[in-house]
PDB file of N, CA and C in Angstrom:
ATOM      1  N   MET A   1     -47.667 -74.190   3.698  1.00  0.00           N
ATOM      2  CA  MET A   1     -48.306 -73.652   2.108  1.00  0.00           C
ATOM      3  C   MET A   1     -48.981 -74.658   1.377  1.00  0.00           C
ATOM      4  N   ALA A   2     -49.959 -74.328   0.948  1.00  0.00           N
ATOM      5  CA  ALA A   2     -51.001 -75.245   0.512  1.00  0.00           C
ATOM      6  C   ALA A   2     -50.197 -75.835  -1.228  1.00  0.00           C
ATOM      7  N   ALA A   3     -50.363 -76.689  -1.318  1.00  0.00           N
ATOM      8  CA  ALA A   3     -49.834 -77.603  -2.721  1.00  0.00           C
ATOM      9  C   ALA A   3     -50.169 -76.447  -3.787  1.00  0.00           C
ATOM     10  N   GLY A   4     -50.013 -76.030  -4.962  1.00  0.00           N
ATOM     11  CA  GLY A   4     -50.120 -75.523  -5.638  1.00  0.00           C
ATOM     12  C   GLY A   4     -50.851 -73.754  -5.375  1.00  0.00           C
ATOM     13  N   SER A   5     -50.469 -73.373  -4.610  1.00  0.00           N
ATOM     14  CA  SER A   5     -50.677 -71.777  -4.039  1.00  0.00           C
ATOM     15  C   SER A   5     -49.468 -71.168  -4.359  1.00  0.00           C
ATOM     16  N   ARG A   6     -49.548 -70.046  -5.295  1.00  0.00           N
ATOM     17  CA  ARG A   6     -48.228 -69.099  -5.668  1.00  0.00           C
ATOM     18  C   ARG A   6     -48.451 -68.022  -4.622  1.00  0.00           C
ATOM     19  N   ILE A   7     -46.617 -67.380  -4.845  1.00  0.00           N
ATOM     20  CA  ILE A   7     -46.566 -66.254  -3.912  1.00  0.00           C
ATOM     21  C   ILE A   7     -46.356 -65.086  -4.904  1.00  0.00           C
ATOM     22  N   PRO A   8     -47.205 -64.221  -5.209  1.00  0.00           N
ATOM     23  CA  PRO A   8     -47.090 -63.241  -6.102  1.00  0.00           C
ATOM     24  C   PRO A   8     -45.679 -62.535  -6.040  1.00  0.00           C
ATOM     25  N   ILE A   9     -45.224 -61.936  -7.157  1.00  0.00           N
ATOM     26  CA  ILE A   9     -43.826 -61.939  -7.203  1.00  0.00           C
ATOM     27  C   ILE A   9     -43.795 -60.106  -7.180  1.00  0.00           C
ATOM     28  N   SER A  10     -44.613 -59.733  -7.856  1.00  0.00           N
ATOM     29  CA  SER A  10     -45.207 -58.287  -8.230  1.00  0.00           C
ATOM     30  C   SER A  10     -46.358 -58.108  -7.837  1.00  0.00           C
ATOM     31  N   GLY A  11     -46.912 -56.597  -8.014  1.00  0.00           N
ATOM     32  CA  GLY A  11     -47.995 -56.008  -7.346  1.00  0.00           C
ATOM     33  C   GLY A  11     -49.357 -56.680  -8.703  1.00  0.00           C
ATOM     34  N   ALA A  12     -48.498 -57.164  -9.767  1.00  0.00           N
ATOM     35  CA  ALA A  12     -49.452 -56.663 -10.952  1.00  0.00           C
ATOM     36  C   ALA A  12     -50.645 -57.613 -10.605  1.00  0.00           C
ATOM     37  N   GLU A  13     -50.318 -59.168  -9.888  1.00  0.00           N
ATOM     38  CA  GLU A  13     -50.839 -60.290  -9.781  1.00  0.00           C
ATOM     39  C   GLU A  13     -51.963 -59.770  -8.430  1.00  0.00           C
ATOM     40  N   ASP A  14     -51.789 -59.022  -7.840  1.00  0.00           N
ATOM     41  CA  ASP A  14     -52.655 -58.691  -6.685  1.00  0.00           C
ATOM     42  C   ASP A  14     -53.715 -57.424  -6.454  1.00  0.00           C
ATOM     43  N   PRO A  15     -54.409 -57.186  -6.968  1.00  0.00           N
ATOM     44  CA  PRO A  15     -55.023 -56.312  -7.148  1.00  0.00           C
ATOM     45  C   PRO A  15     -55.123 -55.295  -6.130  1.00  0.00           C
ATOM     46  N   SER A  16     -55.088 -56.076  -4.692  1.00  0.00           N
ATOM     47  CA  SER A  16     -55.023 -54.751  -3.565  1.00  0.00           C
ATOM     48  C   SER A  16     -53.752 -53.813  -3.357  1.00  0.00           C
ATOM     49  N   ILE A  17     -52.771 -54.113  -4.220  1.00  0.00           N
ATOM     50  CA  ILE A  17     -51.650 -53.478  -3.935  1.00  0.00           C
ATOM     51  C   ILE A  17     -51.531 -52.161  -5.126  1.00  0.00           C
ATOM     52  N   ARG A  18     -51.978 -51.135  -5.090  1.00  0.00           N
ATOM     53  CA  ARG A  18     -51.708 -50.091  -5.511  1.00  0.00           C
ATOM     54  C   ARG A  18     -50.597 -49.730  -6.706  1.00  0.00           C
ATOM     55  N   ARG A  19     -50.582 -49.493  -8.071  1.00  0.00           N
ATOM     56  CA  ARG A  19     -49.547 -48.854  -8.996  1.00  0.00           C
ATOM     57  C   ARG A  19     -49.331 -47.530  -8.320  1.00  0.00           C
ATOM     58  N   ILE A  20     -48.104 -46.612  -7.575  1.00  0.00           N
ATOM     59  CA  ILE A  20     -47.921 -45.282  -7.816  1.00  0.00           C
ATOM     60  C   ILE A  20     -47.417 -45.222  -9.156  1.00  0.00           C
ATOM     61  N   PRO A  21     -48.099 -44.171  -9.963  1.00  0.00           N
ATOM     62  CA  PRO A  21     -47.495 -43.433 -10.918  1.00  0.00           C
ATOM     63  C   PRO A  21     -45.933 -42.854 -11.039  1.00  0.00           C
ATOM     64  N   VAL A  22     -45.252 -42.949 -11.738  1.00  0.00           N
ATOM     65  CA  VAL A  22     -44.070 -42.757 -11.666  1.00  0.00           C
ATOM     66  C   VAL A  22     -44.116 -41.021 -12.300  1.00  0.00           C
ATOM     67  N   ARG A  23     -43.357 -40.214 -11.780  1.00  0.00           N
ATOM     68  CA  ARG A  23     -43.139 -39.064 -11.836  1.00  0.00           C
ATOM     69  C   ARG A  23     -42.291 -38.456 -11.995  1.00  0.00           C
ATOM     70  N   GLU A  24     -41.595 -37.088 -12.907  1.00  0.00           N
ATOM     71  CA  GLU A  24     -40.215 -36.745 -13.079  1.00  0.00           C
ATOM     72  C   GLU A  24     -40.077 -35.105 -12.890  1.00  0.00           C
ATOM     73  N   THR A  25     -39.283 -35.453 -12.411  1.00  0.00           N
ATOM     74  CA  THR A  25     -38.791 -33.496 -12.240  1.00  0.00           C
ATOM     75  C   THR A  25     -38.240 -32.760 -13.474  1.00  0.00           C
ATOM     76  N   PHE A  26     -38.985 -31.842 -13.730  1.00  0.00           N
ATOM     77  CA  PHE A  26     -38.250 -31.016 -15.020  1.00  0.00           C
ATOM     78  C   PHE A  26     -38.427 -29.756 -14.479  1.00  0.00           C
ATOM     79  N   HIS A  27     -37.155 -29.323 -14.824  1.00  0.00           N
ATOM     80  CA  HIS A  27     -37.027 -27.338 -14.968  1.00  0.00           C
ATOM     81  C   HIS A  27     -37.259 -26.735 -16.376  1.00  0.00           C
ATOM     82  N   ILE A  28     -38.303 -25.793 -15.740  1.00  0.00           N
ATOM     83  CA  ILE A  28     -39.067 -24.799 -17.331  1.00  0.00           C
ATOM     84  C   ILE A  28     -38.085 -23.646 -17.212  1.00  0.00           C
ATOM     85  N   GLU A  29     -37.565 -23.144 -18.045  1.00  0.00           N
ATOM     86  CA  GLU A  29     -37.231 -21.925 -18.185  1.00  0.00           C
ATOM     87  C   GLU A  29     -37.300 -20.577 -18.920  1.00  0.00           C
ATOM     88  N   VAL A  30     -37.709 -19.912 -18.682  1.00  0.00           N
ATOM     89  CA  VAL A  30     -38.127 -18.805 -19.856  1.00  0.00           C
ATOM     90  C   VAL A  30     -37.298 -17.590 -19.967  1.00  0.00           C
ATOM     91  N   LEU A  31     -36.586 -17.362 -21.252  1.00  0.00           N
ATOM     92  CA  LEU A  31     -35.202 -16.607 -21.595  1.00  0.00           C
ATOM     93  C   LEU A  31     -35.652 -15.788 -22.007  1.00  0.00           C
ATOM     94  N   GLY A  32     -34.842 -14.291 -21.502  1.00  0.00           N
ATOM     95  CA  GLY A  32     -35.159 -13.276 -22.100  1.00  0.00           C
ATOM     96  C   GLY A  32     -34.461 -12.930 -23.573  1.00  0.00           C
ATOM     97  N   PRO A  33     -34.311 -11.540 -23.895  1.00  0.00           N
ATOM     98  CA  PRO A  33     -33.476 -11.433 -25.183  1.00  0.00           C
ATOM     99  C   PRO A  33     -32.197 -11.185 -24.844  1.00  0.00           C
ATOM    100  N   GLU A  34     -31.395 -11.192 -23.470  1.00  0.00           N
ATOM    101  CA  GLU A  34     -29.768 -11.458 -23.827  1.00  0.00           C
ATOM    102  C   GLU A  34     -29.512 -13.056 -23.225  1.00  0.00           C
ATOM    103  N   PRO A  35     -28.107 -13.139 -23.893  1.00  0.00           N
ATOM    104  CA  PRO A  35     -27.690 -14.545 -23.703  1.00  0.00           C
ATOM    105  C   PRO A  35     -27.891 -15.176 -22.115  1.00  0.00           C
ATOM    106  N   ASP A  36     -28.387 -16.237 -21.745  1.00  0.00           N
ATOM    107  CA  ASP A  36     -28.680 -16.863 -20.575  1.00  0.00           C
ATOM    108  C   ASP A  36     -29.343 -15.754 -19.398  1.00  0.00           C
ATOM    109  N   GLU A  37     -29.913 -14.915 -20.119  1.00  0.00           N
ATOM    110  CA  GLU A  37     -31.238 -14.169 -18.933  1.00  0.00           C
ATOM    111  C   GLU A  37     -32.154 -15.411 -18.726  1.00  0.00           C
ATOM    112  N   ILE A  38     -32.263 -15.784 -17.690  1.00  0.00           N
ATOM    113  CA  ILE A  38     -33.797 -16.256 -17.553  1.00  0.00           C
ATOM    114  C   ILE A  38     -34.463 -15.435 -16.469  1.00  0.00           C
ATOM    115  N   GLN A  39     -35.892 -15.413 -17.400  1.00  0.00           N
ATOM    116  CA  GLN A  39     -36.890 -14.359 -16.570  1.00  0.00           C
ATOM    117  C   GLN A  39     -37.654 -14.919 -15.653  1.00  0.00           C
ATOM    118  N   THR A  40     -37.755 -16.426 -15.893  1.00  0.00           N
ATOM    119  CA  THR A  40     -38.404 -17.549 -14.480  1.00  0.00           C
ATOM    120  C   THR A  40     -38.089 -18.930 -14.849  1.00  0.00           C
ATOM    121  N   ARG A  41     -38.130 -19.531 -13.725  1.00  0.00           N
ATOM    122  CA  ARG A  41     -37.387 -20.896 -14.163  1.00  0.00           C
ATOM    123  C   ARG A  41     -38.583 -21.161 -12.826  1.00  0.00           C
ATOM    124  N   ILE A  42     -39.261 -22.511 -13.218  1.00  0.00           N
ATOM    125  CA  ILE A  42     -39.900 -23.391 -12.005  1.00  0.00           C
ATOM    126  C   ILE A  42     -39.699 -24.713 -12.388  1.00  0.00           C
ATOM    127  N   SER A  43     -39.894 -25.876 -11.399  1.00  0.00           N
ATOM    128  CA  SER A  43     -39.959 -26.720 -11.169  1.00  0.00           C
ATOM    129  C   SER A  43     -41.357 -27.603 -11.377  1.00  0.00           C
ATOM    130  N   VAL A  44     -41.229 -28.656 -12.075  1.00  0.00           N
ATOM    131  CA  VAL A  44     -42.711 -29.038 -12.126  1.00  0.00           C
ATOM    132  C   VAL A  44     -42.169 -30.817 -12.042  1.00  0.00           C
ATOM    133  N   ARG A  45     -43.098 -31.655 -11.342  1.00  0.00           N
ATOM    134  CA  ARG A  45     -43.283 -32.781 -10.980  1.00  0.00           C
ATOM    135  C   ARG A  45     -44.551 -33.429 -12.010  1.00  0.00           C
ATOM    136  N   VAL A  46     -44.432 -34.029 -13.363  1.00  0.00           N
ATOM    137  CA  VAL A  46     -45.349 -34.468 -14.176  1.00  0.00           C
ATOM    138  C   VAL A  46     -44.839 -36.114 -14.693  1.00  0.00           C
ATOM    139  N   GLY A  47     -45.709 -36.802 -15.057  1.00  0.00           N
ATOM    140  CA  GLY A  47     -45.792 -37.973 -15.940  1.00  0.00           C
ATOM    141  C   GLY A  47     -44.945 -38.212 -16.986  1.00  0.00           C
ATOM    142  N   SER A  48     -45.025 -37.427 -17.584  1.00  0.00           N
ATOM    143  CA  SER A  48     -44.115 -37.555 -19.118  1.00  0.00           C
ATOM    144  C   SER A  48     -43.844 -36.383 -19.860  1.00  0.00           C
ATOM    145  N   LEU A  49     -42.605 -36.067 -20.387  1.00  0.00           N
ATOM    146  CA  LEU A  49     -41.765 -35.034 -21.082  1.00  0.00           C
ATOM    147  C   LEU A  49     -43.030 -34.407 -21.669  1.00  0.00           C
ATOM    148  N   GLU A  50     -44.131 -34.947 -22.241  1.00  0.00           N
ATOM    149  CA  GLU A  50     -45.323 -34.278 -23.237  1.00  0.00           C
ATOM    150  C   GLU A  50     -45.803 -33.150 -22.125  1.00  0.00           C
ATOM    151  N   SER A  51     -46.456 -33.889 -21.022  1.00  0.00           N
ATOM    152  CA  SER A  51     -46.661 -32.823 -20.077  1.00  0.00           C
ATOM    153  C   SER A  51     -45.921 -31.447 -19.602  1.00  0.00           C
ATOM    154  N   ALA A  52     -44.623 -31.863 -19.364  1.00  0.00           N
ATOM    155  CA  ALA A  52     -43.920 -30.864 -19.420  1.00  0.00           C
ATOM    156  C   ALA A  52     -43.151 -30.003 -20.363  1.00  0.00           C
ATOM    157  N   GLN A  53     -43.682 -29.820 -21.379  1.00  0.00           N
ATOM    158  CA  GLN A  53     -43.713 -29.438 -22.960  1.00  0.00           C
ATOM    159  C   GLN A  53     -44.860 -28.510 -22.961  1.00  0.00           C
ATOM    160  N   GLU A  54     -46.150 -29.117 -22.658  1.00  0.00           N
ATOM    161  CA  GLU A  54     -47.257 -28.457 -22.464  1.00  0.00           C
ATOM    162  C   GLU A  54     -47.430 -27.239 -21.648  1.00  0.00           C
ATOM    163  N   ARG A  55     -47.029 -27.603 -20.151  1.00  0.00           N
ATOM    164  CA  ARG A  55     -46.956 -26.592 -19.240  1.00  0.00           C
ATOM    165  C   ARG A  55     -45.560 -25.328 -19.672  1.00  0.00           C
ATOM    166  N   ALA A  56     -44.693 -25.860 -20.411  1.00  0.00           N
ATOM    167  CA  ALA A  56     -43.727 -24.554 -20.661  1.00  0.00           C
ATOM    168  C   ALA A  56     -44.334 -24.018 -21.762  1.00  0.00           C
ATOM    169  N   LEU A  57     -44.959 -24.389 -22.602  1.00  0.00           N
ATOM    170  CA  LEU A  57     -45.197 -23.772 -23.774  1.00  0.00           C
ATOM    171  C   LEU A  57     -46.642 -23.065 -23.091  1.00  0.00           C
ATOM    172  N   ARG A  58     -47.414 -23.485 -22.070  1.00  0.00           N
ATOM    173  CA  ARG A  58     -48.553 -22.320 -21.815  1.00  0.00           C
ATOM    174  C   ARG A  58     -47.427 -21.148 -21.148  1.00  0.00           C
ATOM    175  N   LEU A  59     -46.617 -21.337 -20.184  1.00  0.00           N
ATOM    176  CA  LEU A  59     -45.950 -20.464 -19.370  1.00  0.00           C
ATOM    177  C   LEU A  59     -45.204 -19.648 -20.312  1.00  0.00           C
ATOM    178  N   PHE A  60     -44.490 -20.075 -21.754  1.00  0.00           N
ATOM    179  CA  PHE A  60     -43.934 -19.345 -22.510  1.00  0.00           C
ATOM    180  C   PHE A  60     -44.706 -18.260 -22.993  1.00  0.00           C
ATOM    181  N   ALA A  61     -46.261 -18.694 -23.652  1.00  0.00           N
ATOM    182  CA  ALA A  61     -47.000 -17.998 -24.078  1.00  0.00           C
ATOM    183  C   ALA A  61     -47.722 -16.693 -23.148  1.00  0.00           C
ATOM    184  N   ARG A  62     -47.719 -17.231 -21.759  1.00  0.00           N
ATOM    185  CA  ARG A  62     -48.107 -16.290 -20.959  1.00  0.00           C
ATOM    186  C   ARG A  62     -46.971 -14.942 -20.705  1.00  0.00           C
ATOM    187  N   ALA A  63     -45.967 -15.207 -20.842  1.00  0.00           N
ATOM    188  CA  ALA A  63     -44.685 -14.585 -20.571  1.00  0.00           C
ATOM    189  C   ALA A  63     -44.978 -13.381 -21.927  1.00  0.00           C
ATOM    190  N   ARG A  64     -44.920 -13.821 -23.445  1.00  0.00           N
ATOM    191  CA  ARG A  64     -45.610 -13.042 -24.383  1.00  0.00           C
ATOM    192  C   ARG A  64     -46.193 -12.170 -24.810  1.00  0.00           C
ATOM    193  N   VAL A  65     -47.109 -12.288 -23.912  1.00  0.00           N
ATOM    194  CA  VAL A  65     -48.420 -11.390 -23.801  1.00  0.00           C
ATOM    195  C   VAL A  65     -47.662  -9.660 -23.546  1.00  0.00           C
ATOM    196  N   PRO A  66     -48.058  -8.665 -24.757  1.00  0.00           N
ATOM    197  CA  PRO A  66     -48.055  -7.169 -24.766  1.00  0.00           C
ATOM    198  C   PRO A  66     -48.359  -6.783 -22.987  1.00  0.00           C
ATOM    199  N   GLN A  67     -48.792  -7.319 -22.355  1.00  0.00           N
ATOM    200  CA  GLN A  67     -49.386  -6.368 -21.231  1.00  0.00           C
ATOM    201  C   GLN A  67     -48.130  -6.697 -20.407  1.00  0.00           C
ATOM    202  N   ARG A  68     -47.457  -7.495 -20.239  1.00  0.00           N
ATOM    203  CA  ARG A  68     -46.816  -7.872 -19.176  1.00  0.00           C
ATOM    204  C   ARG A  68     -45.661  -7.180 -19.138  1.00  0.00           C
ATOM    205  N   SER A  69     -45.060  -6.524 -18.048  1.00  0.00           N
ATOM    206  CA  SER A  69     -43.891  -5.414 -18.130  1.00  0.00           C
ATOM    207  C   SER A  69     -42.893  -6.239 -18.438  1.00  0.00           C
ATOM    208  N   GLY A  70     -41.772  -5.429 -18.916  1.00  0.00           N
ATOM    209  CA  GLY A  70     -40.471  -5.964 -19.172  1.00  0.00           C
ATOM    210  C   GLY A  70     -40.518  -6.196 -20.628  1.00  0.00           C
ATOM    211  N   GLU A  71     -39.180  -6.768 -21.124  1.00  0.00           N
ATOM    212  CA  GLU A  71     -38.888  -7.368 -22.217  1.00  0.00           C
ATOM    213  C   GLU A  71     -39.489  -8.726 -22.563  1.00  0.00           C
ATOM    214  N   PRO A  72     -40.166  -9.127 -23.571  1.00  0.00           N
ATOM    215  CA  PRO A  72     -41.030 -10.182 -23.962  1.00  0.00           C
ATOM    216  C   PRO A  72     -40.190 -11.200 -23.897  1.00  0.00           C
ATOM    217  N   ALA A  73     -40.320 -12.672 -23.736  1.00  0.00           N
ATOM    218  CA  ALA A  73     -39.397 -14.009 -23.726  1.00  0.00           C
ATOM    219  C   ALA A  73     -39.087 -14.153 -24.836  1.00  0.00           C
ATOM    220  N   GLU A  74     -38.006 -14.874 -25.365  1.00  0.00           N
ATOM    221  CA  GLU A  74     -37.488 -14.998 -26.596  1.00  0.00           C
ATOM    222  C   GLU A  74     -37.482 -16.469 -26.582  1.00  0.00           C
ATOM    223  N   ALA A  75     -37.706 -17.200 -25.724  1.00  0.00           N
ATOM    224  CA  ALA A  75     -37.082 -18.504 -25.807  1.00  0.00           C
ATOM    225  C   ALA A  75     -37.690 -19.454 -24.332  1.00  0.00           C
ATOM    226  N   VAL A  76     -38.081 -20.773 -24.517  1.00  0.00           N
ATOM    227  CA  VAL A  76     -38.415 -21.502 -23.066  1.00  0.00           C
ATOM    228  C   VAL A  76     -37.609 -22.775 -23.293  1.00  0.00           C
ATOM    229  N   ARG A  77     -37.423 -23.417 -22.388  1.00  0.00           N
ATOM    230  CA  ARG A  77     -36.481 -24.792 -22.530  1.00  0.00           C
ATOM    231  C   ARG A  77     -36.507 -25.398 -21.320  1.00  0.00           C
ATOM    232  N   VAL A  78     -36.715 -27.041 -21.624  1.00  0.00           N
ATOM    233  CA  VAL A  78     -37.022 -27.798 -20.370  1.00  0.00           C
ATOM    234  C   VAL A  78     -36.133 -28.641 -20.246  1.00  0.00           C
ATOM    235  N   ILE A  79     -35.570 -29.092 -19.016  1.00  0.00           N
ATOM    236  CA  ILE A  79     -34.317 -29.225 -18.321  1.00  0.00           C
ATOM    237  C   ILE A  79     -34.963 -30.450 -17.557  1.00  0.00           C
ATOM    238  N   ASP A  80     -34.482 -32.150 -17.818  1.00  0.00           N
ATOM    239  CA  ASP A  80     -34.799 -33.113 -17.064  1.00  0.00           C
ATOM    240  C   ASP A  80     -33.921 -33.101 -15.636  1.00  0.00           C
ATOM    241  N   GLY A  81     -34.244 -33.934 -14.830  1.00  0.00           N
ATOM    242  CA  GLY A  81     -33.445 -34.168 -13.508  1.00  0.00           C
ATOM    243  C   GLY A  81     -31.994 -34.629 -13.684  1.00  0.00           C
ATOM    244  N   ALA A  82     -31.407 -34.826 -14.903  1.00  0.00           N
ATOM    245  CA  ALA A  82     -30.499 -35.159 -15.074  1.00  0.00           C
ATOM    246  C   ALA A  82     -29.960 -34.149 -15.462  1.00  0.00           C
ATOM    247  N   GLY A  83     -30.149 -32.617 -15.790  1.00  0.00           N
ATOM    248  CA  GLY A  83     -29.604 -31.615 -16.437  1.00  0.00           C
ATOM    249  C   GLY A  83     -29.390 -31.293 -17.570  1.00  0.00           C
ATOM    250  N   ARG A  84     -30.487 -32.423 -18.493  1.00  0.00           N
ATOM    251  CA  ARG A  84     -30.345 -32.419 -19.940  1.00  0.00           C
ATOM    252  C   ARG A  84     -30.815 -31.448 -20.376  1.00  0.00           C
ATOM    253  N   GLU A  85     -30.740 -30.767 -21.406  1.00  0.00           N
ATOM    254  CA  GLU A  85     -32.233 -30.072 -21.979  1.00  0.00           C
ATOM    255  C   GLU A  85     -32.956 -30.846 -23.118  1.00  0.00           C
ATOM    256  N   VAL A  86     -34.270 -31.119 -22.942  1.00  0.00           N
ATOM    257  CA  VAL A  86     -34.763 -31.905 -23.300  1.00  0.00           C
ATOM    258  C   VAL A  86     -35.609 -31.345 -24.445  1.00  0.00           C
ATOM    259  N   PHE A  87     -36.035 -29.896 -24.339  1.00  0.00           N
ATOM    260  CA  PHE A  87     -36.888 -29.095 -25.081  1.00  0.00           C
ATOM    261  C   PHE A  87     -36.597 -27.622 -25.530  1.00  0.00           C
ATOM    262  N   TYR A  88     -36.662 -27.248 -26.220  1.00  0.00           N
ATOM    263  CA  TYR A  88     -36.217 -25.968 -26.614  1.00  0.00           C
ATOM    264  C   TYR A  88     -37.414 -25.107 -27.890  1.00  0.00           C
ATOM    265  N   ARG A  89     -37.716 -24.138 -27.492  1.00  0.00           N
ATOM    266  CA  ARG A  89     -38.751 -23.330 -28.507  1.00  0.00           C
ATOM    267  C   ARG A  89     -38.579 -21.641 -28.312  1.00  0.00           C
ATOM    268  N   THR A  90     -37.974 -21.279 -29.566  1.00  0.00           N
ATOM    269  CA  THR A  90     -37.682 -19.780 -29.860  1.00  0.00           C
ATOM    270  C   THR A  90     -39.612 -19.332 -29.849  1.00  0.00           C
ATOM    271  N   ARG A  91     -39.455 -18.027 -29.924  1.00  0.00           N
ATOM    272  CA  ARG A  91     -40.259 -17.061 -30.642  1.00  0.00           C
ATOM    273  C   ARG A  91     -40.806 -17.310 -31.883  1.00  0.00           C
ATOM    274  N   PHE A  92     -39.584 -17.548 -32.775  1.00  0.00           N
ATOM    275  CA  PHE A  92     -39.915 -17.592 -34.012  1.00  0.00           C
ATOM    276  C   PHE A  92     -40.213 -19.172 -34.328  1.00  0.00           C
ATOM    277  N   ASP A  93     -40.092 -19.980 -33.838  1.00  0.00           N
ATOM    278  CA  ASP A  93     -40.406 -21.225 -33.883  1.00  0.00           C
ATOM    279  C   ASP A  93     -42.067 -21.354 -33.504  1.00  0.00           C
ATOM    280  N   ALA A  94     -42.375 -20.559 -32.382  1.00  0.00           N
ATOM    281  CA  ALA A  94     -43.979 -20.554 -32.313  1.00  0.00           C
ATOM    282  C   ALA A  94     -44.532 -19.726 -33.275  1.00  0.00           C
ATOM    283  N   GLY A  95     -44.175 -18.977 -34.256  1.00  0.00           N
ATOM    284  CA  GLY A  95     -44.837 -18.625 -35.167  1.00  0.00           C
ATOM    285  C   GLY A  95     -44.769 -17.055 -35.129  1.00  0.00           C
ATOM    286  N   ASP A  96     -43.839 -16.087 -34.088  1.00  0.00           N
ATOM    287  CA  ASP A  96     -44.260 -14.790 -33.806  1.00  0.00           C
ATOM    288  C   ASP A  96     -43.110 -14.466 -35.050  1.00  0.00           C
TER     289      ASP A  96
END
C-alpha cells in the first residue's frame, strides 16, 4: 500500500457505496366504539414516525366517512416494532 493512502472506515468517504435508508415497521390500528375492538389493523414500513402518523390519520379519516358500513371509528393508534404505543388520536381530538 502506498504511503499516505487511507482505507475508508465507513461508506461516507466512498461515493460508490450507497447508503440504505433505515425503515421501521409500525402497526396502525383503527379502533371501534367497544373497548379493545380493532376494526382495521395494518403494518407499514416507513422512514419515520411522522410518516406513520400521517398514514394513520388518512386511514382514520377514511374509516370515519358516513358511507362506510358499520360503526364509525372512534380512535386510531400507532404501535412501534417494540410494541409500544407511540401515537393515539380519538375522534374528539380530530375535532368531530
